[in-house]
């Protein structure tokens, strides 16, 4: 005598098997995009105008001492302190639309390197790439932070991804 179970055993076996096969072929959701945890440097946000950056820099106690935003390299320079040491801030703007896309900090005190590295790793974790005297952190939107030690200075450069691309499109080289 056959029971209903004996007639339906293939379904009991193959249905779960088909279920597992279909779902194992399904694509996983995309991995979360790694975006930078900042949108500029200090109070100067990417895309800010020249006048806006001047106001922010002065409000932060920096002394703006040179404005070359009308000619290459389209930069505004200020002095102040950062990481408890004197530093020059260079704010770079896109050549046509005059939007902030990069900020460089330059110290003449080589002892700042250890503090700068500790500050950056505290904010961003371990670098994405490292080699002697150069560390960089990068994100999927092309934002980049670079720490570089030269024989006479230490420099940190912050690049805003989308605005750096705008700068390139407007005819200014990304790296000089």
N, C-alpha and C. Protein backbone atom coordinates (compact mmCIF):
# COMPACT_ATOMS: atom_id res chain seq x y z
N UNK A 1 0.83 -1.16 0.00
CA UNK A 1 0.00 0.00 0.00
C UNK A 1 0.90 1.24 0.00
N UNK A 2 0.59 2.12 -0.91
CA UNK A 2 1.36 3.35 -1.01
C UNK A 2 0.61 4.45 -0.27
N UNK A 3 1.40 5.26 0.41
CA UNK A 3 0.79 6.39 1.12
C UNK A 3 1.04 7.65 0.31
N UNK A 4 0.37 8.73 0.66
CA UNK A 4 0.57 10.00 -0.01
C UNK A 4 2.00 10.50 0.15
N UNK A 5 2.63 10.10 1.24
CA UNK A 5 3.99 10.53 1.50
C UNK A 5 4.95 9.89 0.52
N UNK A 6 4.74 8.64 0.21
CA UNK A 6 5.65 7.98 -0.70
C UNK A 6 5.53 8.54 -2.12
N UNK A 7 4.33 9.01 -2.50
CA UNK A 7 4.17 9.61 -3.82
C UNK A 7 4.77 11.02 -3.86
N UNK A 8 4.77 11.71 -2.75
CA UNK A 8 5.22 13.11 -2.72
C UNK A 8 6.67 13.29 -2.28
N UNK A 9 7.38 12.20 -2.05
CA UNK A 9 8.76 12.36 -1.56
C UNK A 9 9.64 13.16 -2.51
N UNK A 10 9.47 13.05 -3.83
CA UNK A 10 10.33 13.88 -4.68
C UNK A 10 10.10 15.37 -4.44
N UNK A 11 8.86 15.75 -4.21
CA UNK A 11 8.59 17.17 -3.94
C UNK A 11 9.22 17.61 -2.62
N UNK A 12 9.13 16.77 -1.61
CA UNK A 12 9.72 17.12 -0.32
C UNK A 12 11.25 17.25 -0.42
N UNK A 13 11.83 16.50 -1.30
CA UNK A 13 13.29 16.54 -1.45
C UNK A 13 13.72 17.68 -2.37
N UNK A 14 13.06 17.81 -3.53
CA UNK A 14 13.51 18.75 -4.54
C UNK A 14 13.09 20.20 -4.28
N UNK A 15 11.95 20.42 -3.65
CA UNK A 15 11.53 21.81 -3.38
C UNK A 15 12.54 22.56 -2.51
N UNK A 16 12.95 22.00 -1.36
CA UNK A 16 13.96 22.72 -0.58
C UNK A 16 15.29 22.85 -1.33
N UNK A 17 15.63 21.84 -2.11
CA UNK A 17 16.87 21.89 -2.88
C UNK A 17 16.81 23.01 -3.91
N UNK A 18 15.68 23.13 -4.62
CA UNK A 18 15.51 24.21 -5.58
C UNK A 18 15.54 25.58 -4.89
N UNK A 19 14.90 25.65 -3.74
CA UNK A 19 14.89 26.90 -2.96
C UNK A 19 16.31 27.34 -2.64
N UNK A 20 17.13 26.40 -2.14
CA UNK A 20 18.53 26.71 -1.80
C UNK A 20 19.30 27.11 -3.04
N UNK A 21 19.09 26.40 -4.15
CA UNK A 21 19.81 26.72 -5.39
C UNK A 21 19.47 28.12 -5.89
N UNK A 22 18.17 28.47 -5.90
CA UNK A 22 17.78 29.79 -6.38
C UNK A 22 18.38 30.90 -5.53
N UNK A 23 18.31 30.73 -4.22
CA UNK A 23 18.80 31.80 -3.36
C UNK A 23 20.32 31.86 -3.29
N UNK A 24 20.98 30.75 -3.56
CA UNK A 24 22.45 30.82 -3.58
C UNK A 24 22.93 31.53 -4.82
N UNK A 25 22.12 31.57 -5.87
CA UNK A 25 22.49 32.27 -7.10
C UNK A 25 22.13 33.76 -7.04
N UNK A 26 21.32 34.14 -6.10
CA UNK A 26 20.91 35.54 -5.99
C UNK A 26 22.12 36.40 -5.64
N UNK A 27 22.15 37.59 -6.18
CA UNK A 27 23.27 38.48 -5.89
C UNK A 27 23.10 39.11 -4.52
N UNK A 28 24.21 39.34 -3.90
CA UNK A 28 24.19 39.99 -2.60
C UNK A 28 23.99 41.48 -2.79
N UNK A 29 23.45 42.16 -1.80
CA UNK A 29 23.32 43.60 -1.94
C UNK A 29 24.70 44.23 -2.06
N UNK A 30 24.82 45.37 -2.75
CA UNK A 30 26.13 45.99 -2.91
C UNK A 30 26.73 46.37 -1.57
N UNK A 31 28.04 46.26 -1.51
CA UNK A 31 28.75 46.62 -0.29
C UNK A 31 28.63 48.13 -0.10
N UNK A 32 28.50 48.58 1.13
CA UNK A 32 28.35 50.00 1.41
C UNK A 32 29.52 50.80 0.86
N UNK A 33 29.21 51.92 0.26
CA UNK A 33 30.25 52.76 -0.32
C UNK A 33 31.05 53.41 0.79
N UNK A 34 32.37 53.40 0.66
CA UNK A 34 33.24 53.99 1.65
C UNK A 34 33.41 55.48 1.33
N UNK A 35 32.74 56.31 2.10
CA UNK A 35 32.80 57.75 1.88
C UNK A 35 33.61 58.42 2.98
N UNK A 36 34.22 59.56 2.69
CA UNK A 36 35.05 60.22 3.69
C UNK A 36 34.23 60.76 4.85
N UNK A 37 34.83 60.79 6.05
CA UNK A 37 34.11 61.30 7.21
C UNK A 37 34.21 62.82 7.36
N UNK A 38 34.48 63.51 6.27
CA UNK A 38 34.60 64.97 6.31
C UNK A 38 34.17 65.53 4.96
N UNK A 39 33.82 66.83 4.94
CA UNK A 39 33.36 67.47 3.72
C UNK A 39 34.15 68.73 3.42
N UNK A 40 35.40 68.75 3.83
CA UNK A 40 36.27 69.90 3.66
C UNK A 40 37.31 69.86 4.75
N UNK A 41 37.93 70.99 5.00
CA UNK A 41 38.92 71.05 6.07
C UNK A 41 38.49 72.11 7.07
N UNK A 42 38.39 71.73 8.33
CA UNK A 42 37.88 72.60 9.39
C UNK A 42 36.54 73.19 8.94
N UNK A 43 36.38 74.49 9.02
CA UNK A 43 35.11 75.10 8.64
C UNK A 43 34.97 75.38 7.16
N UNK A 44 36.04 75.19 6.40
CA UNK A 44 36.01 75.45 4.96
C UNK A 44 35.55 74.19 4.24
N UNK A 45 34.32 74.18 3.80
CA UNK A 45 33.72 73.01 3.15
C UNK A 45 34.03 73.03 1.65
N UNK A 46 34.09 71.85 1.06
CA UNK A 46 34.33 71.76 -0.38
C UNK A 46 33.26 72.54 -1.12
N UNK A 47 33.68 73.30 -2.11
CA UNK A 47 32.75 74.08 -2.91
C UNK A 47 32.55 75.50 -2.41
N UNK A 48 33.13 75.85 -1.26
CA UNK A 48 33.00 77.20 -0.71
C UNK A 48 33.69 78.20 -1.64
N UNK A 49 33.14 79.39 -1.74
CA UNK A 49 33.72 80.45 -2.58
C UNK A 49 34.97 81.03 -1.92
N UNK A 50 35.72 81.80 -2.68
CA UNK A 50 36.94 82.45 -2.16
C UNK A 50 36.59 83.34 -0.96
N UNK A 51 35.57 84.17 -1.11
CA UNK A 51 35.18 85.07 -0.01
C UNK A 51 34.71 84.28 1.20
N UNK A 52 33.99 83.20 0.95
CA UNK A 52 33.54 82.34 2.05
C UNK A 52 34.71 81.73 2.81
N UNK A 53 35.74 81.27 2.09
CA UNK A 53 36.92 80.70 2.74
C UNK A 53 37.67 81.77 3.52
N UNK A 54 37.78 82.96 2.97
CA UNK A 54 38.45 84.06 3.70
C UNK A 54 37.75 84.31 5.03
N UNK A 55 36.43 84.37 5.01
CA UNK A 55 35.67 84.62 6.24
C UNK A 55 35.88 83.50 7.25
N UNK A 56 35.83 82.25 6.78
CA UNK A 56 36.02 81.10 7.67
C UNK A 56 37.43 81.12 8.26
N UNK A 57 38.43 81.34 7.42
CA UNK A 57 39.82 81.34 7.89
C UNK A 57 40.04 82.42 8.95
N UNK A 58 39.54 83.61 8.69
CA UNK A 58 39.69 84.70 9.66
C UNK A 58 38.94 84.39 10.94
N UNK A 59 37.75 83.81 10.84
CA UNK A 59 36.97 83.45 12.03
C UNK A 59 37.70 82.38 12.85
N UNK A 60 38.49 81.54 12.21
CA UNK A 60 39.25 80.50 12.91
C UNK A 60 40.60 81.01 13.41
N UNK A 61 40.85 82.31 13.26
CA UNK A 61 42.09 82.90 13.79
C UNK A 61 43.28 82.83 12.86
N UNK A 62 43.04 82.49 11.61
CA UNK A 62 44.12 82.43 10.62
C UNK A 62 44.29 83.80 9.99
N UNK A 63 45.53 84.13 9.63
CA UNK A 63 45.81 85.41 8.98
C UNK A 63 45.98 85.17 7.49
N UNK A 64 45.01 85.65 6.69
CA UNK A 64 45.12 85.53 5.23
C UNK A 64 46.16 86.53 4.77
N UNK A 65 47.19 86.05 4.07
CA UNK A 65 48.27 86.96 3.68
C UNK A 65 48.51 87.05 2.18
N UNK A 66 47.88 86.19 1.39
CA UNK A 66 48.08 86.28 -0.05
C UNK A 66 46.89 85.66 -0.78
N UNK A 67 46.40 86.38 -1.77
CA UNK A 67 45.29 85.90 -2.58
C UNK A 67 45.76 85.83 -4.02
N UNK A 68 45.92 84.60 -4.52
CA UNK A 68 46.31 84.38 -5.92
C UNK A 68 45.22 83.56 -6.59
N UNK A 69 43.98 83.87 -6.29
CA UNK A 69 42.88 83.08 -6.84
C UNK A 69 42.51 83.50 -8.25
N UNK A 70 43.15 84.57 -8.75
CA UNK A 70 42.86 85.02 -10.12
C UNK A 70 43.85 84.46 -11.14
N UNK A 71 44.95 83.84 -10.68
CA UNK A 71 45.94 83.24 -11.57
C UNK A 71 46.39 81.91 -11.00
N UNK A 72 47.00 81.09 -11.86
CA UNK A 72 47.50 79.80 -11.41
C UNK A 72 48.45 79.99 -10.24
N UNK A 73 48.36 79.26 -9.16
CA UNK A 73 47.61 78.03 -8.94
C UNK A 73 46.24 78.23 -8.31
N UNK A 74 45.65 79.43 -8.44
CA UNK A 74 44.30 79.72 -7.94
C UNK A 74 44.19 79.39 -6.45
N UNK A 75 45.07 80.00 -5.67
CA UNK A 75 45.16 79.66 -4.25
C UNK A 75 45.10 80.91 -3.37
N UNK A 76 44.64 80.66 -2.15
CA UNK A 76 44.59 81.66 -1.10
C UNK A 76 45.46 81.12 0.03
N UNK A 77 46.31 81.96 0.60
CA UNK A 77 47.26 81.50 1.62
C UNK A 77 46.98 82.19 2.95
N UNK A 78 47.09 81.40 4.02
CA UNK A 78 46.88 81.93 5.37
C UNK A 78 47.89 81.27 6.30
N UNK A 79 48.15 81.94 7.41
CA UNK A 79 49.05 81.36 8.42
C UNK A 79 48.27 81.20 9.71
N UNK A 80 48.75 80.29 10.52
CA UNK A 80 48.11 80.03 11.80
C UNK A 80 48.82 78.88 12.49
N UNK A 81 48.10 78.21 13.36
CA UNK A 81 48.67 77.03 14.02
C UNK A 81 47.73 75.85 13.83
N UNK A 82 48.33 74.68 13.80
CA UNK A 82 47.59 73.43 13.72
C UNK A 82 48.51 72.38 14.32
N UNK A 83 47.97 71.50 15.12
CA UNK A 83 48.75 70.50 15.86
C UNK A 83 49.82 71.19 16.72
N UNK A 84 49.43 72.33 17.27
CA UNK A 84 50.29 73.12 18.17
C UNK A 84 51.60 73.55 17.54
N UNK A 85 51.58 73.84 16.25
CA UNK A 85 52.79 74.31 15.55
C UNK A 85 52.38 75.30 14.47
N UNK A 86 53.25 76.27 14.17
CA UNK A 86 52.96 77.22 13.09
C UNK A 86 52.85 76.48 11.75
N UNK A 87 51.87 76.89 10.95
CA UNK A 87 51.60 76.21 9.68
C UNK A 87 51.11 77.22 8.65
N UNK A 88 51.37 76.92 7.38
CA UNK A 88 50.80 77.69 6.27
C UNK A 88 49.66 76.86 5.69
N UNK A 89 48.49 77.50 5.54
CA UNK A 89 47.32 76.87 4.94
C UNK A 89 47.23 77.38 3.50
N UNK A 90 47.14 76.47 2.55
CA UNK A 90 46.96 76.83 1.14
C UNK A 90 45.60 76.29 0.71
N UNK A 91 44.71 77.19 0.34
CA UNK A 91 43.37 76.82 -0.09
C UNK A 91 43.33 76.95 -1.62
N UNK A 92 43.05 75.85 -2.31
CA UNK A 92 43.06 75.84 -3.77
C UNK A 92 41.64 75.83 -4.31
N UNK A 93 41.43 76.60 -5.39
CA UNK A 93 40.11 76.78 -5.98
C UNK A 93 40.12 76.37 -7.45
N UNK A 94 38.97 75.92 -7.92
CA UNK A 94 38.84 75.60 -9.33
C UNK A 94 39.02 76.88 -10.14
N UNK A 95 39.64 76.79 -11.33
CA UNK A 95 40.00 78.01 -12.06
C UNK A 95 38.83 78.84 -12.57
N UNK A 96 37.72 78.22 -12.95
CA UNK A 96 36.59 78.98 -13.51
C UNK A 96 35.52 79.27 -12.47
N UNK A 97 35.04 78.25 -11.80
CA UNK A 97 33.93 78.43 -10.86
C UNK A 97 34.38 78.90 -9.49
N UNK A 98 35.68 78.90 -9.24
CA UNK A 98 36.26 79.41 -7.97
C UNK A 98 35.67 78.72 -6.75
N UNK A 99 35.64 77.38 -6.80
CA UNK A 99 35.14 76.58 -5.68
C UNK A 99 36.32 75.88 -5.00
N UNK A 100 36.30 75.85 -3.68
CA UNK A 100 37.36 75.19 -2.91
C UNK A 100 37.34 73.69 -3.20
N UNK A 101 38.51 73.15 -3.59
CA UNK A 101 38.59 71.71 -3.83
C UNK A 101 39.75 71.04 -3.10
N UNK A 102 40.67 71.84 -2.55
CA UNK A 102 41.85 71.26 -1.91
C UNK A 102 42.38 72.22 -0.84
N UNK A 103 42.90 71.63 0.25
CA UNK A 103 43.56 72.41 1.30
C UNK A 103 44.86 71.70 1.65
N UNK A 104 45.96 72.44 1.61
CA UNK A 104 47.26 71.92 2.02
C UNK A 104 47.71 72.61 3.30
N UNK A 105 48.34 71.84 4.19
CA UNK A 105 48.95 72.38 5.40
C UNK A 105 50.44 72.10 5.30
N UNK A 106 51.27 73.11 5.51
CA UNK A 106 52.71 72.94 5.37
C UNK A 106 53.42 73.46 6.61
N UNK A 107 54.21 72.59 7.23
CA UNK A 107 55.02 72.94 8.40
C UNK A 107 56.49 72.89 8.04
N UNK A 108 57.27 73.77 8.62
CA UNK A 108 58.73 73.72 8.47
C UNK A 108 59.37 72.92 9.60
N UNK A 109 58.60 72.56 10.60
CA UNK A 109 59.06 71.80 11.76
C UNK A 109 58.86 70.31 11.49
N UNK A 110 59.95 69.58 11.25
CA UNK A 110 59.86 68.16 10.91
C UNK A 110 59.34 67.32 12.07
N UNK A 111 59.44 67.84 13.28
CA UNK A 111 58.94 67.09 14.45
C UNK A 111 57.42 66.95 14.44
N UNK A 112 56.73 67.70 13.61
CA UNK A 112 55.28 67.63 13.52
C UNK A 112 54.82 66.31 12.87
N UNK A 113 55.70 65.67 12.14
CA UNK A 113 55.30 64.46 11.40
C UNK A 113 54.63 63.42 12.30
N UNK A 114 55.21 63.12 13.43
CA UNK A 114 54.63 62.13 14.34
C UNK A 114 53.25 62.53 14.82
N UNK A 115 53.08 63.80 15.16
CA UNK A 115 51.77 64.29 15.61
C UNK A 115 50.75 64.24 14.47
N UNK A 116 51.21 64.60 13.27
CA UNK A 116 50.31 64.59 12.12
C UNK A 116 49.85 63.17 11.81
N UNK A 117 50.78 62.21 11.84
CA UNK A 117 50.44 60.82 11.56
C UNK A 117 49.46 60.30 12.61
N UNK A 118 49.72 60.62 13.87
CA UNK A 118 48.84 60.18 14.95
C UNK A 118 47.45 60.81 14.80
N UNK A 119 47.40 62.08 14.44
CA UNK A 119 46.12 62.77 14.24
C UNK A 119 45.33 62.13 13.10
N UNK A 120 45.98 61.88 11.98
CA UNK A 120 45.30 61.31 10.82
C UNK A 120 44.85 59.87 11.06
N UNK A 121 45.70 59.05 11.70
CA UNK A 121 45.29 57.66 11.97
C UNK A 121 44.18 57.63 13.02
N UNK A 122 44.17 58.61 13.93
CA UNK A 122 43.07 58.69 14.89
C UNK A 122 41.75 59.02 14.21
N UNK A 123 41.80 59.86 13.18
CA UNK A 123 40.59 60.26 12.46
C UNK A 123 40.14 59.22 11.43
N UNK A 124 41.11 58.65 10.70
CA UNK A 124 40.78 57.85 9.53
C UNK A 124 41.24 56.39 9.58
N UNK A 125 41.91 55.99 10.66
CA UNK A 125 42.43 54.62 10.73
C UNK A 125 43.76 54.51 9.98
N UNK A 126 44.15 53.30 9.70
CA UNK A 126 45.42 53.07 9.00
C UNK A 126 45.32 53.58 7.56
N UNK A 127 46.44 54.05 7.00
CA UNK A 127 46.41 54.56 5.62
C UNK A 127 46.00 53.48 4.61
N UNK A 128 45.42 53.92 3.51
CA UNK A 128 45.07 53.03 2.41
C UNK A 128 46.34 52.57 1.70
N UNK A 129 47.34 53.42 1.71
CA UNK A 129 48.60 53.13 1.03
C UNK A 129 49.72 53.83 1.80
N UNK A 130 50.85 53.18 1.88
CA UNK A 130 51.99 53.79 2.57
C UNK A 130 53.29 53.37 1.90
N UNK A 131 54.26 54.26 1.93
CA UNK A 131 55.63 54.01 1.49
C UNK A 131 56.49 54.94 2.32
N UNK A 132 57.80 54.83 2.25
CA UNK A 132 58.62 55.72 3.09
C UNK A 132 58.27 57.20 2.88
N UNK A 133 57.96 57.87 3.96
CA UNK A 133 57.66 59.30 4.01
C UNK A 133 56.37 59.73 3.29
N UNK A 134 55.53 58.79 2.88
CA UNK A 134 54.26 59.13 2.24
C UNK A 134 53.19 58.15 2.71
N UNK A 135 52.09 58.70 3.21
CA UNK A 135 50.92 57.90 3.58
C UNK A 135 49.72 58.56 2.94
N UNK A 136 48.79 57.75 2.46
CA UNK A 136 47.56 58.37 1.98
C UNK A 136 46.35 57.54 2.34
N UNK A 137 45.26 58.27 2.49
CA UNK A 137 43.95 57.72 2.80
C UNK A 137 43.06 58.08 1.62
N UNK A 138 42.32 57.13 1.09
CA UNK A 138 41.47 57.43 -0.05
C UNK A 138 40.10 56.80 0.14
N UNK A 139 39.13 57.39 -0.56
CA UNK A 139 37.74 56.96 -0.47
C UNK A 139 37.20 56.76 -1.87
N UNK A 140 36.05 56.09 -1.99
CA UNK A 140 35.51 55.73 -3.29
C UNK A 140 35.07 56.94 -4.11
N UNK A 141 34.82 58.08 -3.49
CA UNK A 141 34.42 59.27 -4.25
C UNK A 141 35.62 60.07 -4.75
N UNK A 142 36.82 59.50 -4.66
CA UNK A 142 38.08 60.10 -5.10
C UNK A 142 38.62 61.13 -4.12
N UNK A 143 38.02 61.24 -2.93
CA UNK A 143 38.58 62.11 -1.90
C UNK A 143 39.88 61.48 -1.42
N UNK A 144 40.85 62.32 -1.12
CA UNK A 144 42.18 61.84 -0.76
C UNK A 144 42.78 62.72 0.33
N UNK A 145 43.49 62.09 1.26
CA UNK A 145 44.30 62.81 2.24
C UNK A 145 45.71 62.25 2.10
N UNK A 146 46.68 63.13 1.99
CA UNK A 146 48.06 62.73 1.78
C UNK A 146 48.93 63.35 2.86
N UNK A 147 49.75 62.54 3.52
CA UNK A 147 50.74 63.02 4.48
C UNK A 147 52.10 62.74 3.89
N UNK A 148 52.90 63.79 3.75
CA UNK A 148 54.20 63.64 3.11
C UNK A 148 55.27 64.33 3.94
N UNK A 149 56.40 63.64 4.07
CA UNK A 149 57.55 64.19 4.78
C UNK A 149 58.67 64.42 3.77
N UNK A 150 59.05 65.68 3.63
CA UNK A 150 60.16 66.07 2.76
C UNK A 150 61.38 66.36 3.63
N UNK A 151 62.48 66.68 3.02
CA UNK A 151 63.69 66.97 3.79
C UNK A 151 63.59 68.26 4.60
N UNK A 152 62.70 69.19 4.16
CA UNK A 152 62.60 70.47 4.84
C UNK A 152 61.20 70.84 5.33
N UNK A 153 60.23 69.96 5.11
CA UNK A 153 58.87 70.29 5.54
C UNK A 153 58.01 69.04 5.66
N UNK A 154 56.88 69.22 6.33
CA UNK A 154 55.83 68.21 6.44
C UNK A 154 54.60 68.82 5.78
N UNK A 155 53.88 68.01 5.00
CA UNK A 155 52.69 68.53 4.35
C UNK A 155 51.56 67.51 4.43
N UNK A 156 50.37 68.04 4.72
CA UNK A 156 49.14 67.27 4.61
C UNK A 156 48.31 67.95 3.53
N UNK A 157 47.79 67.16 2.60
CA UNK A 157 46.92 67.69 1.55
C UNK A 157 45.58 66.97 1.63
N UNK A 158 44.51 67.74 1.63
CA UNK A 158 43.14 67.22 1.61
C UNK A 158 42.54 67.58 0.25
N UNK A 159 42.06 66.57 -0.50
CA UNK A 159 41.40 66.79 -1.78
C UNK A 159 39.96 66.33 -1.68
N UNK A 160 39.04 67.19 -2.10
CA UNK A 160 37.63 66.82 -2.17
C UNK A 160 37.36 66.13 -3.50
N UNK A 161 36.92 64.90 -3.48
CA UNK A 161 36.79 64.07 -4.68
C UNK A 161 36.06 64.71 -5.84
N UNK A 162 34.78 65.01 -5.67
CA UNK A 162 34.01 65.56 -6.78
C UNK A 162 34.54 66.92 -7.23
N UNK A 163 34.95 67.75 -6.28
CA UNK A 163 35.47 69.06 -6.64
C UNK A 163 36.84 68.97 -7.30
N UNK A 164 37.64 67.98 -6.93
CA UNK A 164 38.92 67.76 -7.61
C UNK A 164 38.67 67.39 -9.06
N UNK A 165 37.64 66.59 -9.30
CA UNK A 165 37.29 66.23 -10.67
C UNK A 165 36.81 67.46 -11.43
N UNK A 166 36.05 68.33 -10.77
CA UNK A 166 35.62 69.57 -11.39
C UNK A 166 36.84 70.42 -11.74
N UNK A 167 37.79 70.50 -10.84
CA UNK A 167 39.01 71.25 -11.10
C UNK A 167 39.71 70.72 -12.34
N UNK A 168 39.81 69.41 -12.42
CA UNK A 168 40.45 68.79 -13.58
C UNK A 168 39.68 69.13 -14.85
N UNK A 169 38.38 69.03 -14.78
CA UNK A 169 37.55 69.35 -15.95
C UNK A 169 37.71 70.80 -16.35
N UNK A 170 37.91 71.67 -15.38
CA UNK A 170 38.06 73.10 -15.71
C UNK A 170 39.47 73.43 -16.20
N UNK A 171 40.30 72.46 -16.33
CA UNK A 171 41.59 72.69 -16.98
C UNK A 171 42.78 72.82 -16.07
N UNK A 172 42.59 72.67 -14.78
CA UNK A 172 43.72 72.79 -13.86
C UNK A 172 44.22 71.38 -13.51
N UNK A 173 45.50 71.16 -13.53
CA UNK A 173 46.03 69.83 -13.21
C UNK A 173 45.70 69.49 -11.75
N UNK A 174 45.34 68.22 -11.50
CA UNK A 174 44.98 67.78 -10.16
C UNK A 174 46.19 67.82 -9.25
N UNK A 175 47.31 67.30 -9.70
CA UNK A 175 48.53 67.27 -8.88
C UNK A 175 49.63 68.05 -9.59
N UNK A 176 50.23 68.91 -8.89
CA UNK A 176 51.37 69.67 -9.44
C UNK A 176 52.53 69.57 -8.52
